[in-house]
N, C-alpha and C. Protein backbone atom coordinates (compact mmCIF):
# COMPACT_ATOMS: atom_id res chain seq x y z
N UNK A 1 19.88 4.78 0.69
CA UNK A 1 19.31 3.76 -0.17
C UNK A 1 17.80 3.89 -0.16
N UNK A 2 17.22 3.91 -1.31
CA UNK A 2 15.77 3.96 -1.46
C UNK A 2 15.25 2.54 -1.33
N UNK A 3 14.40 2.31 -0.34
CA UNK A 3 13.90 0.95 -0.11
C UNK A 3 12.49 1.00 0.45
N UNK A 4 11.73 -0.04 0.16
CA UNK A 4 10.39 -0.22 0.69
C UNK A 4 10.51 -0.65 2.15
N UNK A 5 9.77 0.00 3.04
CA UNK A 5 9.83 -0.39 4.44
C UNK A 5 9.18 -1.77 4.63
N UNK A 6 9.52 -2.44 5.69
CA UNK A 6 8.94 -3.76 5.96
C UNK A 6 7.43 -3.64 6.15
N UNK A 7 6.97 -2.58 6.80
CA UNK A 7 5.53 -2.39 6.99
C UNK A 7 4.82 -2.19 5.66
N UNK A 8 5.40 -1.41 4.77
CA UNK A 8 4.80 -1.21 3.44
C UNK A 8 4.83 -2.51 2.64
N UNK A 9 5.90 -3.27 2.79
CA UNK A 9 6.01 -4.58 2.15
C UNK A 9 4.86 -5.48 2.61
N UNK A 10 4.63 -5.57 3.91
CA UNK A 10 3.53 -6.38 4.44
C UNK A 10 2.19 -5.86 3.94
N UNK A 11 2.03 -4.54 3.88
CA UNK A 11 0.77 -3.95 3.42
C UNK A 11 0.48 -4.35 1.99
N UNK A 12 1.46 -4.19 1.11
CA UNK A 12 1.26 -4.54 -0.29
C UNK A 12 1.02 -6.03 -0.48
N UNK A 13 1.78 -6.86 0.23
CA UNK A 13 1.58 -8.30 0.13
C UNK A 13 0.21 -8.73 0.66
N UNK A 14 -0.24 -8.09 1.73
CA UNK A 14 -1.58 -8.40 2.26
C UNK A 14 -2.65 -8.02 1.24
N UNK A 15 -2.48 -6.88 0.58
CA UNK A 15 -3.45 -6.46 -0.43
C UNK A 15 -3.45 -7.41 -1.63
N UNK A 16 -2.28 -7.87 -2.03
CA UNK A 16 -2.20 -8.84 -3.12
C UNK A 16 -2.92 -10.13 -2.74
N UNK A 17 -2.74 -10.56 -1.51
CA UNK A 17 -3.43 -11.77 -1.04
C UNK A 17 -4.94 -11.55 -1.04
N UNK A 18 -5.39 -10.43 -0.49
CA UNK A 18 -6.82 -10.15 -0.42
C UNK A 18 -7.44 -9.97 -1.80
N UNK A 19 -6.66 -9.54 -2.77
CA UNK A 19 -7.17 -9.37 -4.12
C UNK A 19 -7.54 -10.70 -4.76
N UNK A 20 -7.06 -11.79 -4.18
CA UNK A 20 -7.30 -13.11 -4.77
C UNK A 20 -8.31 -13.96 -4.03
N UNK A 21 -8.82 -13.49 -2.92
CA UNK A 21 -9.84 -14.28 -2.23
C UNK A 21 -11.19 -14.03 -2.89
N UNK A 22 -12.10 -14.98 -2.72
CA UNK A 22 -13.40 -14.80 -3.35
C UNK A 22 -14.06 -13.55 -2.81
N UNK A 23 -14.73 -12.86 -3.70
CA UNK A 23 -15.34 -11.57 -3.38
C UNK A 23 -16.32 -11.72 -2.22
N UNK A 24 -16.22 -10.79 -1.28
CA UNK A 24 -17.11 -10.77 -0.14
C UNK A 24 -16.61 -11.53 1.07
N UNK A 25 -15.61 -12.41 0.89
CA UNK A 25 -15.10 -13.18 2.03
C UNK A 25 -14.15 -12.33 2.84
N UNK A 26 -14.39 -12.28 4.14
CA UNK A 26 -13.48 -11.59 5.05
C UNK A 26 -12.38 -12.56 5.46
N UNK A 27 -11.15 -12.07 5.48
CA UNK A 27 -10.00 -12.89 5.81
C UNK A 27 -9.44 -12.43 7.15
N UNK A 28 -9.20 -13.36 8.04
CA UNK A 28 -8.69 -12.98 9.35
C UNK A 28 -7.24 -12.52 9.25
N UNK A 29 -6.87 -11.71 10.22
CA UNK A 29 -5.50 -11.23 10.29
C UNK A 29 -4.55 -12.42 10.45
N UNK A 30 -4.96 -13.45 11.20
CA UNK A 30 -4.10 -14.62 11.41
C UNK A 30 -3.88 -15.38 10.10
N UNK A 31 -4.91 -15.46 9.26
CA UNK A 31 -4.75 -16.12 7.97
C UNK A 31 -3.76 -15.36 7.09
N UNK A 32 -3.90 -14.04 7.08
CA UNK A 32 -2.98 -13.22 6.28
C UNK A 32 -1.56 -13.36 6.81
N UNK A 33 -1.42 -13.30 8.13
CA UNK A 33 -0.09 -13.43 8.74
C UNK A 33 0.55 -14.77 8.39
N UNK A 34 -0.25 -15.83 8.40
CA UNK A 34 0.28 -17.15 8.07
C UNK A 34 0.70 -17.20 6.60
N UNK A 35 -0.08 -16.60 5.72
CA UNK A 35 0.26 -16.58 4.29
C UNK A 35 1.53 -15.79 4.01
N UNK A 36 1.73 -14.70 4.77
CA UNK A 36 2.89 -13.83 4.55
C UNK A 36 4.08 -14.18 5.42
N UNK A 37 3.85 -15.09 6.38
CA UNK A 37 4.88 -15.39 7.38
C UNK A 37 5.30 -14.10 8.08
N UNK A 38 4.29 -13.34 8.50
CA UNK A 38 4.51 -12.02 9.09
C UNK A 38 4.18 -12.04 10.58
N UNK A 39 4.86 -11.22 11.37
CA UNK A 39 4.53 -11.12 12.79
C UNK A 39 3.13 -10.52 12.97
N UNK A 40 2.30 -11.19 13.78
CA UNK A 40 0.89 -10.79 13.89
C UNK A 40 0.71 -9.39 14.47
N UNK A 41 1.51 -9.01 15.45
CA UNK A 41 1.34 -7.68 16.06
C UNK A 41 1.62 -6.57 15.05
N UNK A 42 2.68 -6.71 14.29
CA UNK A 42 3.01 -5.70 13.29
C UNK A 42 1.97 -5.69 12.17
N UNK A 43 1.58 -6.87 11.71
CA UNK A 43 0.59 -6.94 10.64
C UNK A 43 -0.74 -6.36 11.10
N UNK A 44 -1.12 -6.58 12.35
CA UNK A 44 -2.38 -6.01 12.86
C UNK A 44 -2.36 -4.50 12.75
N UNK A 45 -1.25 -3.87 13.10
CA UNK A 45 -1.14 -2.41 13.00
C UNK A 45 -1.21 -1.95 11.54
N UNK A 46 -0.57 -2.68 10.65
CA UNK A 46 -0.59 -2.35 9.22
C UNK A 46 -2.01 -2.44 8.68
N UNK A 47 -2.71 -3.52 8.99
CA UNK A 47 -4.08 -3.71 8.50
C UNK A 47 -5.02 -2.65 9.08
N UNK A 48 -4.82 -2.28 10.33
CA UNK A 48 -5.64 -1.22 10.93
C UNK A 48 -5.41 0.11 10.21
N UNK A 49 -4.18 0.40 9.87
CA UNK A 49 -3.88 1.64 9.14
C UNK A 49 -4.55 1.63 7.77
N UNK A 50 -4.52 0.50 7.09
CA UNK A 50 -5.16 0.39 5.78
C UNK A 50 -6.68 0.53 5.90
N UNK A 51 -7.24 0.01 6.98
CA UNK A 51 -8.68 0.13 7.20
C UNK A 51 -9.06 1.58 7.51
N UNK A 52 -8.27 2.26 8.33
CA UNK A 52 -8.54 3.67 8.65
C UNK A 52 -8.48 4.54 7.39
N UNK A 53 -7.62 4.16 6.44
CA UNK A 53 -7.47 4.92 5.20
C UNK A 53 -8.55 4.57 4.18
N UNK A 54 -9.41 3.60 4.48
CA UNK A 54 -10.46 3.22 3.56
C UNK A 54 -10.03 2.27 2.46
N UNK A 55 -8.84 1.71 2.59
CA UNK A 55 -8.34 0.75 1.60
C UNK A 55 -8.90 -0.64 1.90
N UNK A 56 -9.06 -0.94 3.18
CA UNK A 56 -9.65 -2.20 3.63
C UNK A 56 -10.92 -1.91 4.41
N UNK A 57 -11.76 -2.92 4.49
CA UNK A 57 -12.92 -2.89 5.36
C UNK A 57 -12.66 -3.90 6.46
N UNK A 58 -12.81 -3.48 7.70
CA UNK A 58 -12.65 -4.39 8.84
C UNK A 58 -14.03 -4.81 9.31
N UNK A 59 -14.22 -6.11 9.41
CA UNK A 59 -15.51 -6.64 9.85
C UNK A 59 -15.29 -7.38 11.17
N UNK A 60 -16.16 -7.09 12.13
CA UNK A 60 -16.03 -7.69 13.46
C UNK A 60 -17.00 -8.86 13.60
N UNK A 61 -16.77 -9.66 14.61
CA UNK A 61 -17.69 -10.75 14.90
C UNK A 61 -17.15 -12.10 14.47
N UNK A 62 -18.03 -13.11 14.58
CA UNK A 62 -17.65 -14.49 14.32
C UNK A 62 -17.07 -14.68 12.91
N UNK A 63 -17.63 -14.03 11.93
CA UNK A 63 -17.16 -14.16 10.56
C UNK A 63 -16.40 -12.91 10.11
N UNK A 64 -15.75 -12.25 11.07
CA UNK A 64 -15.04 -11.02 10.81
C UNK A 64 -13.70 -11.23 10.15
N UNK A 65 -13.09 -10.12 9.83
CA UNK A 65 -11.79 -10.14 9.18
C UNK A 65 -11.66 -8.90 8.31
N UNK A 66 -10.82 -9.00 7.32
CA UNK A 66 -10.55 -7.88 6.42
C UNK A 66 -10.89 -8.27 4.99
N UNK A 67 -11.29 -7.28 4.23
CA UNK A 67 -11.47 -7.44 2.79
C UNK A 67 -11.19 -6.10 2.14
N UNK A 68 -10.95 -6.12 0.85
CA UNK A 68 -10.68 -4.89 0.13
C UNK A 68 -11.92 -4.00 0.14
N UNK A 69 -11.71 -2.72 0.38
CA UNK A 69 -12.81 -1.75 0.34
C UNK A 69 -12.96 -1.17 -1.06
N UNK A 70 -11.97 -1.40 -1.90
CA UNK A 70 -11.96 -0.90 -3.28
C UNK A 70 -11.47 -2.02 -4.19
N UNK A 71 -11.71 -1.85 -5.46
CA UNK A 71 -11.19 -2.81 -6.44
C UNK A 71 -9.66 -2.66 -6.52
N UNK A 72 -8.97 -3.77 -6.77
CA UNK A 72 -7.50 -3.72 -6.87
C UNK A 72 -6.99 -2.71 -7.90
N UNK A 73 -7.77 -2.47 -8.95
CA UNK A 73 -7.34 -1.51 -9.98
C UNK A 73 -7.44 -0.07 -9.50
N UNK A 74 -8.08 0.15 -8.35
CA UNK A 74 -8.24 1.51 -7.82
C UNK A 74 -7.30 1.82 -6.65
N UNK A 75 -6.43 0.89 -6.30
CA UNK A 75 -5.51 1.07 -5.17
C UNK A 75 -4.10 1.22 -5.72
N UNK A 76 -3.53 2.43 -5.60
CA UNK A 76 -2.18 2.66 -6.11
C UNK A 76 -1.13 2.32 -5.06
N UNK A 77 0.03 1.99 -5.55
CA UNK A 77 1.15 1.66 -4.66
C UNK A 77 1.53 2.87 -3.81
N UNK A 78 1.53 4.06 -4.39
CA UNK A 78 1.92 5.25 -3.61
C UNK A 78 0.94 5.49 -2.47
N UNK A 79 -0.34 5.26 -2.71
CA UNK A 79 -1.33 5.45 -1.64
C UNK A 79 -1.06 4.50 -0.48
N UNK A 80 -0.75 3.26 -0.80
CA UNK A 80 -0.46 2.27 0.25
C UNK A 80 0.81 2.68 1.00
N UNK A 81 1.86 3.00 0.26
CA UNK A 81 3.13 3.36 0.90
C UNK A 81 2.96 4.58 1.80
N UNK A 82 2.27 5.60 1.31
CA UNK A 82 2.12 6.82 2.12
C UNK A 82 1.14 6.63 3.26
N UNK A 83 0.20 5.72 3.13
CA UNK A 83 -0.68 5.39 4.25
C UNK A 83 0.13 4.78 5.39
N UNK A 84 1.06 3.94 5.03
CA UNK A 84 1.85 3.22 6.04
C UNK A 84 3.02 4.06 6.55
N UNK A 85 3.75 4.73 5.67
CA UNK A 85 5.00 5.40 6.05
C UNK A 85 4.98 6.91 5.98
N UNK A 86 3.88 7.50 5.54
CA UNK A 86 3.85 8.95 5.38
C UNK A 86 4.38 9.33 4.00
N UNK A 87 4.44 10.62 3.74
CA UNK A 87 4.84 11.09 2.40
C UNK A 87 6.21 10.58 1.98
N UNK A 88 6.30 10.23 0.71
CA UNK A 88 7.56 9.76 0.15
C UNK A 88 8.56 10.92 0.11
N UNK A 89 9.76 10.67 0.60
CA UNK A 89 10.81 11.68 0.59
C UNK A 89 12.15 10.97 0.44
N UNK A 90 12.78 11.14 -0.71
CA UNK A 90 14.06 10.45 -0.93
C UNK A 90 15.24 11.21 -0.33
N UNK A 91 14.99 12.43 0.12
CA UNK A 91 16.03 13.21 0.82
C UNK A 91 15.39 13.79 2.08
N UNK A 92 16.16 13.90 3.13
CA UNK A 92 15.61 14.36 4.41
C UNK A 92 15.01 15.76 4.31
N UNK A 93 15.54 16.60 3.43
CA UNK A 93 15.03 17.96 3.31
C UNK A 93 13.65 18.01 2.65
N UNK A 94 13.19 16.90 2.10
CA UNK A 94 11.88 16.84 1.44
C UNK A 94 10.79 16.31 2.36
N UNK A 95 11.12 16.00 3.60
CA UNK A 95 10.18 15.37 4.52
C UNK A 95 9.14 16.31 5.12
N UNK A 96 9.38 17.59 5.14
CA UNK A 96 8.46 18.55 5.77
C UNK A 96 8.18 18.20 7.23
N UNK A 97 9.22 17.76 7.94
CA UNK A 97 9.05 17.40 9.34
C UNK A 97 9.47 18.52 10.29
N UNK A 98 9.73 19.70 9.74
CA UNK A 98 10.07 20.84 10.56
C UNK A 98 11.53 20.92 10.97
N UNK A 99 12.31 19.91 10.61
CA UNK A 99 13.73 19.90 10.94
C UNK A 99 14.49 20.53 9.78
N UNK A 100 15.08 21.70 10.00
CA UNK A 100 15.79 22.36 8.90
C UNK A 100 17.09 21.63 8.56
N UNK A 101 17.41 21.63 7.29
CA UNK A 101 18.66 21.02 6.84
C UNK A 101 19.79 22.01 7.07
N UNK A 102 20.86 21.55 7.66
CA UNK A 102 22.00 22.44 7.94
C UNK A 102 22.72 22.84 6.66
N UNK A 103 22.51 22.12 5.58
CA UNK A 103 23.15 22.42 4.31
C UNK A 103 22.28 23.29 3.39
N UNK A 104 21.11 23.71 3.84
CA UNK A 104 20.13 24.38 2.98
C UNK A 104 20.72 25.55 2.19
N UNK A 105 21.51 26.38 2.83
CA UNK A 105 22.03 27.57 2.14
C UNK A 105 23.01 27.24 1.03
N UNK A 106 23.73 26.14 1.16
CA UNK A 106 24.75 25.78 0.17
C UNK A 106 24.36 24.58 -0.69
N UNK A 107 23.19 24.05 -0.47
CA UNK A 107 22.77 22.83 -1.17
C UNK A 107 22.48 23.10 -2.65
N UNK A 108 23.01 22.23 -3.47
CA UNK A 108 22.78 22.34 -4.91
C UNK A 108 21.90 21.18 -5.42
N UNK A 109 21.56 20.25 -4.54
CA UNK A 109 20.81 19.08 -5.03
C UNK A 109 19.35 19.06 -4.59
N UNK A 110 18.94 20.01 -3.77
CA UNK A 110 17.57 19.97 -3.26
C UNK A 110 16.54 19.95 -4.39
N UNK A 111 16.63 20.86 -5.33
CA UNK A 111 15.64 20.91 -6.41
C UNK A 111 15.73 19.69 -7.33
N UNK A 112 16.94 19.26 -7.74
CA UNK A 112 16.99 18.03 -8.54
C UNK A 112 16.41 16.83 -7.79
N UNK A 113 16.65 16.74 -6.49
CA UNK A 113 16.10 15.63 -5.71
C UNK A 113 14.58 15.75 -5.60
N UNK A 114 14.07 16.96 -5.47
CA UNK A 114 12.62 17.16 -5.44
C UNK A 114 12.00 16.72 -6.77
N UNK A 115 12.68 17.00 -7.89
CA UNK A 115 12.20 16.56 -9.19
C UNK A 115 12.19 15.04 -9.31
N UNK A 116 13.24 14.41 -8.83
CA UNK A 116 13.33 12.94 -8.84
C UNK A 116 12.22 12.37 -7.96
N UNK A 117 12.04 12.94 -6.78
CA UNK A 117 11.01 12.49 -5.86
C UNK A 117 9.63 12.55 -6.53
N UNK A 118 9.35 13.65 -7.22
CA UNK A 118 8.06 13.81 -7.90
C UNK A 118 7.88 12.75 -8.98
N UNK A 119 8.93 12.44 -9.71
CA UNK A 119 8.82 11.43 -10.77
C UNK A 119 8.61 10.04 -10.19
N UNK A 120 9.28 9.74 -9.08
CA UNK A 120 9.07 8.44 -8.42
C UNK A 120 7.62 8.33 -7.96
N UNK A 121 7.10 9.42 -7.36
CA UNK A 121 5.69 9.43 -6.93
C UNK A 121 4.75 9.17 -8.10
N UNK A 122 5.03 9.80 -9.24
CA UNK A 122 4.19 9.61 -10.44
C UNK A 122 4.18 8.14 -10.87
N UNK A 123 5.36 7.53 -10.90
CA UNK A 123 5.44 6.13 -11.29
C UNK A 123 4.65 5.26 -10.32
N UNK A 124 4.85 5.47 -9.02
CA UNK A 124 4.16 4.66 -8.01
C UNK A 124 2.66 4.92 -8.01
N UNK A 125 2.24 6.11 -8.41
CA UNK A 125 0.82 6.43 -8.49
C UNK A 125 0.17 5.71 -9.67
N UNK A 126 0.95 5.40 -10.68
CA UNK A 126 0.43 4.71 -11.87
C UNK A 126 0.38 3.19 -11.72
N UNK A 127 0.99 2.66 -10.68
CA UNK A 127 1.00 1.21 -10.47
C UNK A 127 -0.07 0.85 -9.45
N UNK A 128 -0.91 -0.12 -9.81
CA UNK A 128 -2.00 -0.52 -8.93
C UNK A 128 -1.76 -1.93 -8.37
N UNK A 129 -2.55 -2.27 -7.38
CA UNK A 129 -2.50 -3.62 -6.82
C UNK A 129 -2.81 -4.65 -7.91
N UNK A 130 -3.77 -4.34 -8.76
CA UNK A 130 -4.11 -5.27 -9.84
C UNK A 130 -2.91 -5.50 -10.75
N UNK A 131 -2.21 -4.43 -11.11
CA UNK A 131 -1.03 -4.58 -11.97
C UNK A 131 0.05 -5.40 -11.27
N UNK A 132 0.20 -5.21 -9.97
CA UNK A 132 1.21 -5.98 -9.24
C UNK A 132 0.86 -7.46 -9.24
N UNK A 133 -0.42 -7.78 -9.12
CA UNK A 133 -0.85 -9.18 -9.18
C UNK A 133 -0.46 -9.79 -10.52
N UNK A 134 -0.71 -9.07 -11.58
CA UNK A 134 -0.40 -9.54 -12.93
C UNK A 134 1.11 -9.63 -13.14
N UNK A 135 1.84 -8.62 -12.66
CA UNK A 135 3.30 -8.59 -12.85
C UNK A 135 4.01 -9.73 -12.13
N UNK A 136 3.46 -10.17 -11.01
CA UNK A 136 4.16 -11.22 -10.27
C UNK A 136 3.72 -12.61 -10.73
N UNK A 137 2.91 -12.66 -11.80
CA UNK A 137 2.55 -13.95 -12.39
C UNK A 137 1.40 -14.64 -11.69
N UNK A 138 0.79 -13.98 -10.72
CA UNK A 138 -0.36 -14.59 -10.06
C UNK A 138 -1.58 -14.43 -10.95
N UNK A 139 -2.60 -15.21 -10.64
CA UNK A 139 -3.83 -15.05 -11.42
C UNK A 139 -4.35 -13.65 -11.22
N UNK A 140 -5.12 -13.17 -12.16
CA UNK A 140 -5.62 -11.80 -12.13
C UNK A 140 -6.43 -11.55 -10.87
N UNK A 141 -6.28 -10.35 -10.34
CA UNK A 141 -7.12 -9.94 -9.22
C UNK A 141 -8.55 -9.82 -9.74
N UNK A 142 -9.49 -9.97 -8.85
CA UNK A 142 -10.88 -9.94 -9.31
C UNK A 142 -11.19 -8.61 -9.97
N UNK A 143 -11.98 -8.67 -10.98
CA UNK A 143 -12.36 -7.48 -11.73
C UNK A 143 -13.73 -7.03 -11.28
N UNK A 144 -14.05 -5.75 -11.46
CA UNK A 144 -15.41 -5.31 -11.14
C UNK A 144 -16.38 -6.14 -11.96
N UNK A 145 -17.47 -6.56 -11.34
CA UNK A 145 -18.42 -7.39 -12.05
C UNK A 145 -19.11 -6.58 -13.15
N UNK A 146 -19.27 -7.23 -14.28
CA UNK A 146 -19.90 -6.56 -15.43
C UNK A 146 -21.41 -6.54 -15.22
N UNK A 147 -22.07 -5.48 -15.67
CA UNK A 147 -23.53 -5.44 -15.53
C UNK A 147 -24.16 -6.52 -16.39
N UNK A 148 -25.29 -7.03 -15.91
CA UNK A 148 -26.03 -8.05 -16.66
C UNK A 148 -26.51 -7.49 -17.99
N UNK A 149 -26.43 -8.31 -19.01
CA UNK A 149 -26.86 -7.90 -20.34
C UNK A 149 -28.36 -8.09 -20.53
N UNK A 150 -29.03 -8.73 -19.59
CA UNK A 150 -30.47 -9.01 -19.74
C UNK A 150 -31.30 -7.81 -19.55
């Protein structure tokens, strides 16, 4: 079954939440966890992974927390998923984990599955956090500020 992992689910939901806070405000991990009803230890690891990937900025100190490092329109779903779970692979033989498939010599579905995998990646690469905000009926994620006309 093709399914979003719980960690990727938390990552995307955290990004959707952060896309709606006022620009520049850092949000604590505890605030995000409370909003998502997520376990703090797992969410902390997810947020750290997103920060290491440059998707979030982690700020330390009294007014520390997390905020988006990029605009929501620049963060694709596939980037988030692969940051959290590694490369997308709908079949075990597509994982590149060094474990050979015992069916490799007689397999007739490897190439069709690779084609399907590539198309799924393309679709997920075209979907952004901003689009997800709009699709779920939430108010629009903040847009890049327009230059002054003066």
